[in-house]
Protein backbone atom coordinates (compact mmCIF):
# COMPACT_ATOMS: atom_id res chain seq x y z
CA MET A 1 -0.62 -7.82 -15.26
CA SER A 2 2.99 -7.39 -14.13
CA ILE A 3 4.65 -9.16 -11.22
CA LEU A 4 6.93 -6.56 -9.65
CA VAL A 5 7.88 -8.41 -6.46
CA GLY A 6 11.68 -8.48 -6.18
CA ARG A 7 12.09 -5.63 -8.66
CA LYS A 8 12.72 -1.92 -8.29
CA ALA A 9 9.46 -0.01 -7.91
CA PRO A 10 8.97 2.06 -11.09
CA ASP A 11 9.57 5.72 -10.29
CA PHE A 12 7.22 8.45 -11.43
CA THR A 13 6.61 12.17 -11.17
CA ALA A 14 3.04 13.47 -11.25
CA ALA A 15 0.70 16.03 -9.77
CA ALA A 16 -0.66 15.21 -6.32
CA VAL A 17 -2.53 16.56 -3.35
CA LEU A 18 -0.18 16.30 -0.39
CA GLY A 19 -1.11 15.26 3.11
CA ASN A 20 -1.29 18.91 4.20
CA GLY A 21 -3.77 19.72 1.41
CA GLU A 22 -1.31 21.55 -0.85
CA ILE A 23 -1.28 20.69 -4.54
CA SER A 24 2.12 19.77 -5.98
CA SER A 25 2.73 19.56 -9.71
CA HIS A 26 5.92 17.50 -9.28
CA PHE A 27 5.36 14.79 -6.70
CA GLN A 28 8.13 12.19 -7.13
CA LEU A 29 7.81 8.70 -5.70
CA SER A 30 11.53 8.14 -5.16
CA GLU A 31 11.85 11.35 -3.14
CA MET A 32 8.83 10.55 -1.00
CA ILE A 33 10.00 7.06 -0.08
CA LYS A 34 13.75 7.70 0.30
CA ASN A 35 15.04 5.69 3.32
CA LYS A 36 11.48 4.66 4.16
CA TYR A 37 9.15 1.76 3.60
CA ALA A 38 6.07 2.55 1.54
CA ILE A 39 2.57 1.38 0.70
CA LEU A 40 1.70 2.43 -2.87
CA PHE A 41 -2.08 2.14 -2.80
CA PHE A 42 -4.06 2.16 -6.06
CA TYR A 43 -7.83 2.61 -6.04
CA PRO A 44 -10.41 2.99 -8.85
CA LEU A 45 -11.99 6.45 -8.52
CA ASP A 46 -12.75 9.34 -6.19
CA PHE A 47 -16.38 9.85 -5.12
CA THR A 48 -17.26 6.17 -5.41
CA PHE A 49 -18.36 3.49 -2.95
CA VAL A 50 -15.73 1.09 -1.61
CA CYS A 51 -12.85 3.54 -2.13
CA PRO A 52 -13.66 5.99 0.69
CA SER A 53 -13.89 3.15 3.21
CA GLU A 54 -10.37 2.01 2.27
CA LEU A 55 -8.79 5.46 2.28
CA ILE A 56 -10.37 6.37 5.60
CA ALA A 57 -9.25 3.04 7.09
CA LEU A 58 -5.69 3.79 5.93
CA ASN A 59 -5.83 7.25 7.45
CA LYS A 60 -7.08 5.91 10.79
CA ARG A 61 -3.96 3.73 10.96
CA ILE A 62 -1.49 6.39 9.79
CA LYS A 63 0.26 6.50 13.19
CA GLU A 64 0.80 2.76 13.08
CA PHE A 65 2.47 3.11 9.69
CA ASP A 66 4.50 6.08 10.96
CA GLN A 67 5.79 3.92 13.82
CA ARG A 68 7.02 1.47 11.20
CA ASN A 69 8.79 4.19 9.13
CA THR A 70 6.24 3.53 6.39
CA VAL A 71 4.64 6.16 4.16
CA ILE A 72 1.32 5.83 2.34
CA ILE A 73 0.75 7.07 -1.22
CA GLY A 74 -2.66 6.81 -2.88
CA VAL A 75 -3.05 6.72 -6.67
CA SER A 76 -6.07 6.91 -8.96
CA ILE A 77 -6.75 8.25 -12.44
CA ASP A 78 -8.58 11.29 -11.06
CA SER A 79 -7.03 14.76 -11.30
CA GLN A 80 -5.36 16.52 -8.40
CA PHE A 81 -8.32 18.92 -8.34
CA THR A 82 -10.82 16.09 -7.92
CA HIS A 83 -8.62 14.63 -5.17
CA SER A 84 -8.64 18.01 -3.44
CA ALA A 85 -12.42 18.33 -3.73
CA TRP A 86 -12.90 14.82 -2.31
CA ARG A 87 -10.70 15.65 0.70
CA LYS A 88 -12.82 18.73 1.37
CA THR A 89 -16.10 16.81 1.18
CA PRO A 90 -17.47 15.71 4.59
CA LEU A 91 -17.70 12.01 5.31
CA ASN A 92 -21.49 12.15 5.55
CA HIS A 93 -21.59 13.41 1.97
CA GLY A 94 -19.31 10.69 0.53
CA GLY A 95 -16.00 12.47 1.09
CA ILE A 96 -12.87 11.24 2.83
CA GLY A 97 -12.05 14.27 4.97
CA LEU A 98 -8.57 15.69 5.51
CA ILE A 99 -6.49 12.54 5.16
CA HIS A 100 -2.81 12.83 6.00
CA TYR A 101 -1.12 11.17 3.04
CA PRO A 102 -0.74 12.22 -0.62
CA LEU A 103 -3.12 11.32 -3.43
CA VAL A 104 -1.43 11.16 -6.83
CA ALA A 105 -3.21 12.16 -10.04
CA ASP A 106 -2.64 9.52 -12.74
CA VAL A 107 -4.80 11.21 -15.37
CA ASP A 108 -2.84 9.76 -18.30
CA HIS A 109 -2.94 6.25 -16.74
CA TYR A 110 0.86 5.98 -16.99
CA ILE A 111 1.41 4.90 -13.37
CA THR A 112 -1.48 2.44 -13.37
CA GLN A 113 -0.18 0.87 -16.58
CA VAL A 114 3.50 0.73 -15.60
CA TYR A 115 2.50 -1.06 -12.39
CA GLY A 116 0.31 -3.41 -14.43
CA VAL A 117 -2.91 -2.78 -12.51
CA GLU A 118 -5.24 -1.18 -15.04
CA HIS A 119 -8.63 -2.91 -15.27
CA PRO A 120 -8.86 -4.57 -18.72
CA THR A 121 -12.23 -3.07 -19.67
CA ALA A 122 -13.03 -0.26 -17.21
CA HIS A 123 -9.54 1.28 -17.68
CA ILE A 124 -9.28 2.42 -14.09
CA ALA A 125 -6.96 1.10 -11.41
CA LEU A 126 -7.71 -2.21 -9.74
CA ARG A 127 -7.51 -2.28 -5.94
CA ALA A 128 -3.76 -2.85 -5.78
CA ALA A 129 -1.21 -2.27 -3.05
CA PHE A 130 2.57 -2.55 -3.34
CA ILE A 131 4.78 -2.77 -0.25
CA ILE A 132 8.17 -1.25 -1.02
CA ASP A 133 11.27 -1.59 1.16
CA LYS A 134 13.88 1.05 2.03
CA GLN A 135 15.93 0.12 -1.04
CA GLY A 136 12.95 0.80 -3.31
CA ILE A 137 12.30 -2.89 -4.00
CA VAL A 138 8.74 -4.22 -4.20
CA ARG A 139 8.35 -6.91 -1.53
CA SER A 140 4.60 -7.58 -1.70
CA GLN A 141 1.90 -7.08 -4.32
CA LEU A 142 -1.81 -7.37 -3.52
CA VAL A 143 -4.48 -6.93 -6.19
CA ASN A 144 -8.27 -7.13 -5.78
CA ASP A 145 -11.08 -6.68 -8.26
CA LEU A 146 -13.15 -3.50 -8.07
CA SER A 147 -15.85 -4.80 -5.72
CA ILE A 148 -13.54 -6.27 -3.06
CA GLY A 149 -12.22 -3.92 -0.38
CA ARG A 150 -8.85 -4.54 1.23
CA ASN A 151 -7.83 -5.29 4.82
CA ILE A 152 -5.51 -2.50 6.00
CA ASP A 153 -4.48 -4.48 9.09
CA GLU A 154 -3.14 -7.18 6.76
CA MET A 155 -0.87 -4.57 5.18
CA ILE A 156 0.45 -3.65 8.63
CA ARG A 157 1.06 -7.35 9.30
CA LEU A 158 2.99 -7.68 6.05
CA VAL A 159 5.17 -4.67 6.88
CA ASP A 160 5.84 -6.19 10.31
CA ALA A 161 6.79 -9.52 8.71
CA LEU A 162 9.11 -7.83 6.23
CA GLN A 163 10.83 -5.78 8.92
CA PHE A 164 11.09 -8.78 11.26
CA HIS A 165 12.76 -10.85 8.56
CA GLU A 166 15.20 -8.06 7.74
CA ALA A 167 16.11 -7.67 11.41
CA ASN A 168 16.29 -11.36 12.40
CA GLY A 169 16.81 -13.41 9.26
CA GLU A 170 14.02 -15.76 10.26
CA VAL A 171 11.06 -16.34 7.91
CA CYS A 172 7.41 -15.82 8.79
CA PRO A 173 4.91 -18.69 8.53
CA ALA A 174 1.25 -18.50 7.56
CA GLY A 175 -0.66 -15.95 9.62
CA TRP A 176 2.45 -14.76 11.47
CA LYS A 177 2.07 -11.59 13.51
CA GLN A 178 4.32 -9.70 15.90
CA GLY A 179 5.20 -11.85 18.90
CA ASP A 180 4.58 -15.15 17.13
CA LYS A 181 7.22 -17.79 16.62
CA ALA A 182 9.06 -17.56 13.28
CA ILE A 183 11.11 -20.16 11.42
CA LYS A 184 14.86 -20.51 11.12
CA PRO A 185 15.30 -21.20 7.38
CA THR A 186 16.95 -24.59 7.85
CA GLU A 187 15.72 -28.19 7.87
CA ALA A 188 16.05 -28.24 11.65
CA GLY A 189 14.25 -24.91 11.90
CA ILE A 190 11.17 -26.00 9.98
CA ALA A 191 11.10 -29.34 11.80
CA ASP A 192 11.15 -27.53 15.15
CA PHE A 193 8.44 -25.09 14.08
CA LEU A 194 6.08 -27.79 12.80
CA ALA A 195 6.65 -29.93 15.88
CA THR A 196 5.71 -27.10 18.23
CA SER A 197 3.33 -24.87 16.26
CA SER A 198 1.57 -26.79 13.47
CA GLU A 199 -1.66 -27.09 15.47
CA LYS A 200 -1.96 -23.28 15.49
CA LEU A 201 -1.85 -23.03 11.69
């Protein structure tokens, strides 16, 4: 397991199904995320159980990510052809429908391994998500085991916190969300925050 927070997100080029349904043989991460924030979203396998719920939940919030200048990229070890078939499968038959973000084919497991999220015995991707800033630096890393689905709204909250900090210089306390009080990173700032807001923690 690698800790990539604070480091440049490893670049890669691979086949992918794009958000418009086209298949690209040379999808490049660095090109996709240039001057944007990104969620790099690993999941175990197409046509499984928890995975479609996560990918559909992401797609339902795509406008919220767009408003935050944030792109979504899904990655699993399935081929681009399996990704395409899954997109074309109706929801009531276990498909994900026509989602609007790319799904990358990591058939040789290179991406999963370079990001350090390959399951030690199943050799598929763990449920991992990396939040990447506009400079290509990983700012958050979330990893769940195979049976534990993720909270997409928490990813939106983390993007909000990152962008708030970049814009204001203040730091975000536990559970912070847009509109909440943040902390000036000084002794006086934390003293003021705890005096006025500790009961809400």
